[in-house]
C-alpha cells in the first residue's frame, strides 16, 4: 500500500511539474503572439500608407501616361 501511495505521489509531483512548465510555456507563447500581432499591425499600417502614396502618385500622372 505504501509503495502505491509513493508511486501516486511521484506521478502527482510529475504532473504538477508538467503543469507548471506548460503554464510558463503558454505565457511565453502568448507574449510572442502579442508581439507578432503588434508587428503585423505595424506592417499593415505601413503597407496602407504606401498604397495611399502610390495611388496619389498614380492620380498625378497624365492620362495618356497611365
PDB file of N, CA and C in Angstrom:
ATOM      1  N   UNK A   1       0.819  -1.195   0.000  1.00  0.00           N
ATOM      2  CA  UNK A   1       0.000   0.000   0.000  1.00  0.00           C
ATOM      3  C   UNK A   1       0.869   1.268   0.000  1.00  0.00           C
ATOM      4  N   UNK A   2       1.933   1.258   0.799  1.00  0.00           N
ATOM      5  CA  UNK A   2       2.814   2.420   0.877  1.00  0.00           C
ATOM      6  C   UNK A   2       3.517   2.659  -0.461  1.00  0.00           C
ATOM      7  N   UNK A   3       3.895   1.564  -1.123  1.00  0.00           N
ATOM      8  CA  UNK A   3       4.558   1.683  -2.432  1.00  0.00           C
ATOM      9  C   UNK A   3       3.615   2.342  -3.426  1.00  0.00           C
ATOM     10  N   UNK A   4       2.360   1.948  -3.414  1.00  0.00           N
ATOM     11  CA  UNK A   4       1.375   2.521  -4.331  1.00  0.00           C
ATOM     12  C   UNK A   4       1.162   4.004  -4.044  1.00  0.00           C
ATOM     13  N   UNK A   5       1.131   4.356  -2.782  1.00  0.00           N
ATOM     14  CA  UNK A   5       0.982   5.765  -2.420  1.00  0.00           C
ATOM     15  C   UNK A   5       2.209   6.575  -2.843  1.00  0.00           C
ATOM     16  N   UNK A   6       3.389   5.993  -2.675  1.00  0.00           N
ATOM     17  CA  UNK A   6       4.615   6.667  -3.099  1.00  0.00           C
ATOM     18  C   UNK A   6       4.636   6.874  -4.608  1.00  0.00           C
ATOM     19  N   UNK A   7       4.193   5.860  -5.357  1.00  0.00           N
ATOM     20  CA  UNK A   7       4.130   5.968  -6.811  1.00  0.00           C
ATOM     21  C   UNK A   7       3.123   7.035  -7.221  1.00  0.00           C
ATOM     22  N   UNK A   8       1.986   7.041  -6.545  1.00  0.00           N
ATOM     23  CA  UNK A   8       0.966   8.051  -6.833  1.00  0.00           C
ATOM     24  C   UNK A   8       1.489   9.457  -6.521  1.00  0.00           C
ATOM     25  N   UNK A   9       2.192   9.592  -5.404  1.00  0.00           N
ATOM     26  CA  UNK A   9       2.772  10.884  -5.034  1.00  0.00           C
ATOM     27  C   UNK A   9       3.798  11.326  -6.072  1.00  0.00           C
ATOM     28  N   UNK A  10       4.592  10.395  -6.563  1.00  0.00           N
ATOM     29  CA  UNK A  10       5.588  10.704  -7.580  1.00  0.00           C
ATOM     30  C   UNK A  10       4.921  11.149  -8.879  1.00  0.00           C
ATOM     31  N   UNK A  11       3.887  10.441  -9.270  1.00  0.00           N
ATOM     32  CA  UNK A  11       3.174  10.800 -10.505  1.00  0.00           C
ATOM     33  C   UNK A  11       2.502  12.162 -10.356  1.00  0.00           C
ATOM     34  N   UNK A  12       1.951  12.423  -9.187  1.00  0.00           N
ATOM     35  CA  UNK A  12       1.326  13.710  -8.942  1.00  0.00           C
ATOM     36  C   UNK A  12       2.361  14.836  -9.004  1.00  0.00           C
ATOM     37  N   UNK A  13       3.529  14.614  -8.443  1.00  0.00           N
ATOM     38  CA  UNK A  13       4.601  15.610  -8.492  1.00  0.00           C
ATOM     39  C   UNK A  13       5.021  15.869  -9.942  1.00  0.00           C
ATOM     40  N   UNK A  14       5.098  14.795 -10.736  1.00  0.00           N
ATOM     41  CA  UNK A  14       5.443  14.945 -12.147  1.00  0.00           C
ATOM     42  C   UNK A  14       4.362  15.735 -12.880  1.00  0.00           C
ATOM     43  N   UNK A  15       3.123  15.442 -12.566  1.00  0.00           N
ATOM     44  CA  UNK A  15       2.002  16.136 -13.201  1.00  0.00           C
ATOM     45  C   UNK A  15       2.017  17.623 -12.851  1.00  0.00           C
ATOM     46  N   UNK A  16       2.278  17.936 -11.600  1.00  0.00           N
ATOM     47  CA  UNK A  16       2.355  19.332 -11.187  1.00  0.00           C
ATOM     48  C   UNK A  16       3.510  20.051 -11.872  1.00  0.00           C
ATOM     49  N   UNK A  17       4.637  19.378 -11.988  1.00  0.00           N
ATOM     50  CA  UNK A  17       5.798  19.962 -12.658  1.00  0.00           C
ATOM     51  C   UNK A  17       5.481  20.218 -14.138  1.00  0.00           C
ATOM     52  N   UNK A  18       4.842  19.251 -14.775  1.00  0.00           N
ATOM     53  CA  UNK A  18       4.459  19.408 -16.179  1.00  0.00           C
ATOM     54  C   UNK A  18       3.477  20.559 -16.331  1.00  0.00           C
ATOM     55  N   UNK A  19       2.514  20.640 -15.439  1.00  0.00           N
ATOM     56  CA  UNK A  19       1.525  21.716 -15.486  1.00  0.00           C
ATOM     57  C   UNK A  19       2.192  23.078 -15.358  1.00  0.00           C
ATOM     58  N   UNK A  20       3.133  23.200 -14.444  1.00  0.00           N
ATOM     59  CA  UNK A  20       3.845  24.473 -14.269  1.00  0.00           C
ATOM     60  C   UNK A  20       4.655  24.825 -15.513  1.00  0.00           C
ATOM     61  N   UNK A  21       5.301  23.817 -16.077  1.00  0.00           N
ATOM     62  CA  UNK A  21       6.109  24.059 -17.285  1.00  0.00           C
ATOM     63  C   UNK A  21       5.216  24.488 -18.448  1.00  0.00           C
ATOM     64  N   UNK A  22       4.059  23.836 -18.594  1.00  0.00           N
ATOM     65  CA  UNK A  22       3.150  24.186 -19.678  1.00  0.00           C
ATOM     66  C   UNK A  22       2.540  25.574 -19.479  1.00  0.00           C
ATOM     67  N   UNK A  23       2.273  25.927 -18.235  1.00  0.00           N
ATOM     68  CA  UNK A  23       1.771  27.277 -17.965  1.00  0.00           C
ATOM     69  C   UNK A  23       2.812  28.325 -18.348  1.00  0.00           C
ATOM     70  N   UNK A  24       4.055  28.077 -18.002  1.00  0.00           N
ATOM     71  CA  UNK A  24       5.132  29.015 -18.348  1.00  0.00           C
ATOM     72  C   UNK A  24       5.292  29.103 -19.868  1.00  0.00           C
ATOM     73  N   UNK A  25       5.233  27.956 -20.532  1.00  0.00           N
ATOM     74  CA  UNK A  25       5.346  27.937 -21.995  1.00  0.00           C
ATOM     75  C   UNK A  25       4.171  28.680 -22.629  1.00  0.00           C
ATOM     76  N   UNK A  26       2.984  28.467 -22.100  1.00  0.00           N
ATOM     77  CA  UNK A  26       1.799  29.142 -22.609  1.00  0.00           C
ATOM     78  C   UNK A  26       1.935  30.652 -22.440  1.00  0.00           C
ATOM     79  N   UNK A  27       2.422  31.077 -21.296  1.00  0.00           N
ATOM     80  CA  UNK A  27       2.633  32.505 -21.047  1.00  0.00           C
ATOM     81  C   UNK A  27       3.626  33.082 -22.063  1.00  0.00           C
ATOM     82  N   UNK A  28       4.717  32.362 -22.285  1.00  0.00           N
ATOM     83  CA  UNK A  28       5.729  32.803 -23.252  1.00  0.00           C
ATOM     84  C   UNK A  28       5.137  32.897 -24.658  1.00  0.00           C
ATOM     85  N   UNK A  29       4.360  31.902 -25.039  1.00  0.00           N
ATOM     86  CA  UNK A  29       3.751  31.905 -26.368  1.00  0.00           C
ATOM     87  C   UNK A  29       2.746  33.041 -26.527  1.00  0.00           C
ATOM     88  N   UNK A  30       2.007  33.340 -25.465  1.00  0.00           N
ATOM     89  CA  UNK A  30       1.069  34.463 -25.522  1.00  0.00           C
ATOM     90  C   UNK A  30       1.816  35.786 -25.710  1.00  0.00           C
ATOM     91  N   UNK A  31       2.951  35.925 -25.036  1.00  0.00           N
ATOM     92  CA  UNK A  31       3.760  37.132 -25.215  1.00  0.00           C
ATOM     93  C   UNK A  31       4.290  37.227 -26.644  1.00  0.00           C
ATOM     94  N   UNK A  32       4.774  36.119 -27.169  1.00  0.00           N
ATOM     95  CA  UNK A  32       5.291  36.108 -28.536  1.00  0.00           C
ATOM     96  C   UNK A  32       4.190  36.416 -29.535  1.00  0.00           C
ATOM     97  N   UNK A  33       2.993  35.892 -29.290  1.00  0.00           N
ATOM     98  CA  UNK A  33       1.861  36.170 -30.176  1.00  0.00           C
ATOM     99  C   UNK A  33       1.507  37.651 -30.140  1.00  0.00           C
ATOM    100  N   UNK A  34       1.490  38.239 -28.963  1.00  0.00           N
ATOM    101  CA  UNK A  34       1.177  39.668 -28.845  1.00  0.00           C
ATOM    102  C   UNK A  34       2.187  40.503 -29.620  1.00  0.00           C
ATOM    103  N   UNK A  35       3.454  40.148 -29.521  1.00  0.00           N
ATOM    104  CA  UNK A  35       4.497  40.866 -30.252  1.00  0.00           C
ATOM    105  C   UNK A  35       4.307  40.698 -31.761  1.00  0.00           C
ATOM    106  N   UNK A  36       4.031  39.470 -32.178  1.00  0.00           N
ATOM    107  CA  UNK A  36       3.835  39.206 -33.610  1.00  0.00           C
ATOM    108  C   UNK A  36       2.625  39.968 -34.145  1.00  0.00           C
ATOM    109  N   UNK A  37       1.545  40.013 -33.379  1.00  0.00           N
ATOM    110  CA  UNK A  37       0.354  40.750 -33.811  1.00  0.00           C
ATOM    111  C   UNK A  37       0.637  42.247 -33.887  1.00  0.00           C
ATOM    112  N   UNK A  38       1.431  42.746 -32.957  1.00  0.00           N
ATOM    113  CA  UNK A  38       1.802  44.156 -32.985  1.00  0.00           C
ATOM    114  C   UNK A  38       2.624  44.469 -34.237  1.00  0.00           C
ATOM    115  N   UNK A  39       3.571  43.603 -34.550  1.00  0.00           N
ATOM    116  CA  UNK A  39       4.379  43.790 -35.759  1.00  0.00           C
ATOM    117  C   UNK A  39       3.506  43.714 -37.006  1.00  0.00           C
ATOM    118  N   UNK A  40       2.578  42.783 -37.004  1.00  0.00           N
ATOM    119  CA  UNK A  40       1.687  42.644 -38.160  1.00  0.00           C
ATOM    120  C   UNK A  40       0.883  43.923 -38.365  1.00  0.00           C
ATOM    121  N   UNK A  41       0.394  44.515 -37.283  1.00  0.00           N
ATOM    122  CA  UNK A  41      -0.364  45.774 -37.386  1.00  0.00           C
ATOM    123  C   UNK A  41       0.532  46.892 -37.926  1.00  0.00           C
ATOM    124  N   UNK A  42       1.766  46.941 -37.448  1.00  0.00           N
ATOM    125  CA  UNK A  42       2.687  47.971 -37.929  1.00  0.00           C
ATOM    126  C   UNK A  42       2.949  47.806 -39.424  1.00  0.00           C
ATOM    127  N   UNK A  43       3.199  46.565 -39.856  1.00  0.00           N
ATOM    128  CA  UNK A  43       3.456  46.312 -41.276  1.00  0.00           C
ATOM    129  C   UNK A  43       2.223  46.611 -42.116  1.00  0.00           C
ATOM    130  N   UNK A  44       1.071  46.279 -41.595  1.00  0.00           N
ATOM    131  CA  UNK A  44      -0.173  46.560 -42.302  1.00  0.00           C
ATOM    132  C   UNK A  44      -0.367  48.066 -42.454  1.00  0.00           C
ATOM    133  N   UNK A  45      -0.082  48.818 -41.403  1.00  0.00           N
ATOM    134  CA  UNK A  45      -0.194  50.279 -41.469  1.00  0.00           C
ATOM    135  C   UNK A  45       0.784  50.849 -42.491  1.00  0.00           C
ATOM    136  N   UNK A  46       2.008  50.312 -42.512  1.00  0.00           N
ATOM    137  CA  UNK A  46       2.999  50.787 -43.488  1.00  0.00           C
ATOM    138  C   UNK A  46       2.564  50.470 -44.909  1.00  0.00           C
ATOM    139  N   UNK A  47       1.996  49.282 -45.106  1.00  0.00           N
ATOM    140  CA  UNK A  47       1.519  48.905 -46.441  1.00  0.00           C
ATOM    141  C   UNK A  47       0.375  49.821 -46.883  1.00  0.00           C
ATOM    142  N   UNK A  48      -0.522  50.116 -45.970  1.00  0.00           N
ATOM    143  CA  UNK A  48      -1.645  51.002 -46.292  1.00  0.00           C
ATOM    144  C   UNK A  48      -1.142  52.396 -46.638  1.00  0.00           C
ATOM    145  N   UNK A  49      -0.176  52.881 -45.891  1.00  0.00           N
ATOM    146  CA  UNK A  49       0.402  54.193 -46.175  1.00  0.00           C
ATOM    147  C   UNK A  49       1.071  54.200 -47.544  1.00  0.00           C
ATOM    148  N   UNK A  50       1.821  53.157 -47.855  1.00  0.00           N
ATOM    149  CA  UNK A  50       2.488  53.064 -49.157  1.00  0.00           C
ATOM    150  C   UNK A  50       1.456  52.977 -50.279  1.00  0.00           C
ATOM    151  N   UNK A  51       0.374  52.218 -50.047  1.00  0.00           N
ATOM    152  CA  UNK A  51      -0.673  52.099 -51.069  1.00  0.00           C
ATOM    153  C   UNK A  51      -1.295  53.460 -51.358  1.00  0.00           C
ATOM    154  N   UNK A  52      -1.567  54.237 -50.306  1.00  0.00           N
ATOM    155  CA  UNK A  52      -2.157  55.564 -50.489  1.00  0.00           C
ATOM    156  C   UNK A  52      -1.203  56.493 -51.235  1.00  0.00           C
ATOM    157  N   UNK A  53       0.086  56.416 -50.890  1.00  0.00           N
ATOM    158  CA  UNK A  53       1.063  57.260 -51.589  1.00  0.00           C
ATOM    159  C   UNK A  53       1.143  56.884 -53.070  1.00  0.00           C
ATOM    160  N   UNK A  54       1.135  55.582 -53.356  1.00  0.00           N
ATOM    161  CA  UNK A  54       1.169  55.145 -54.750  1.00  0.00           C
ATOM    162  C   UNK A  54      -0.074  55.588 -55.508  1.00  0.00           C
ATOM    163  N   UNK A  55      -1.226  55.454 -54.874  1.00  0.00           N
ATOM    164  CA  UNK A  55      -2.463  55.897 -55.529  1.00  0.00           C
ATOM    165  C   UNK A  55      -2.411  57.392 -55.802  1.00  0.00           C
ATOM    166  N   UNK A  56      -1.869  58.147 -54.868  1.00  0.00           N
ATOM    167  CA  UNK A  56      -1.738  59.586 -55.045  1.00  0.00           C
ATOM    168  C   UNK A  56      -0.805  59.902 -56.208  1.00  0.00           C
ATOM    169  N   UNK A  57       0.331  59.206 -56.264  1.00  0.00           N
ATOM    170  CA  UNK A  57       1.269  59.428 -57.369  1.00  0.00           C
ATOM    171  C   UNK A  57       0.643  59.038 -58.705  1.00  0.00           C
ATOM    172  N   UNK A  58      -0.067  57.917 -58.732  1.00  0.00           N
ATOM    173  CA  UNK A  58      -0.712  57.485 -59.972  1.00  0.00           C
ATOM    174  C   UNK A  58      -1.778  58.474 -60.423  1.00  0.00           C
ATOM    175  N   UNK A  59      -2.474  59.072 -59.483  1.00  0.00           N
ATOM    176  CA  UNK A  59      -3.521  60.037 -59.854  1.00  0.00           C
ATOM    177  C   UNK A  59      -2.917  61.306 -60.424  1.00  0.00           C
ATOM    178  N   UNK A  60      -1.647  61.567 -60.141  1.00  0.00           N
ATOM    179  CA  UNK A  60      -0.987  62.775 -60.646  1.00  0.00           C
ATOM    180  C   UNK A  60      -0.374  62.581 -62.018  1.00  0.00           C
ATOM    181  N   UNK A  61      -0.315  61.327 -62.475  1.00  0.00           N
ATOM    182  CA  UNK A  61       0.238  61.084 -63.819  1.00  0.00           C
ATOM    183  C   UNK A  61      -0.734  61.571 -64.876  1.00  0.00           C
ATOM    184  N   UNK A  62      -0.196  62.056 -65.980  1.00  0.00           N
ATOM    185  CA  UNK A  62      -1.087  62.431 -67.094  1.00  0.00           C
ATOM    186  C   UNK A  62      -1.862  61.196 -67.584  1.00  0.00           C
ATOM    187  N   UNK A  63      -3.040  61.424 -68.096  1.00  0.00           N
ATOM    188  CA  UNK A  63      -3.903  60.315 -68.524  1.00  0.00           C
ATOM    189  C   UNK A  63      -3.250  59.418 -69.570  1.00  0.00           C
ATOM    190  N   UNK A  64      -2.580  59.994 -70.561  1.00  0.00           N
ATOM    191  CA  UNK A  64      -2.004  59.167 -71.627  1.00  0.00           C
ATOM    192  C   UNK A  64      -0.734  58.434 -71.157  1.00  0.00           C
ATOM    193  N   UNK A  65      -0.169  58.805 -70.002  1.00  0.00           N
ATOM    194  CA  UNK A  65       0.997  58.111 -69.476  1.00  0.00           C
ATOM    195  C   UNK A  65       0.589  56.890 -68.680  1.00  0.00           C
ATOM    196  N   UNK A  66      -0.635  56.852 -68.221  1.00  0.00           N
ATOM    197  CA  UNK A  66      -1.101  55.730 -67.406  1.00  0.00           C
ATOM    198  C   UNK A  66      -1.530  54.631 -68.253  1.00  0.00           C
TER     199      UNK A  66
END
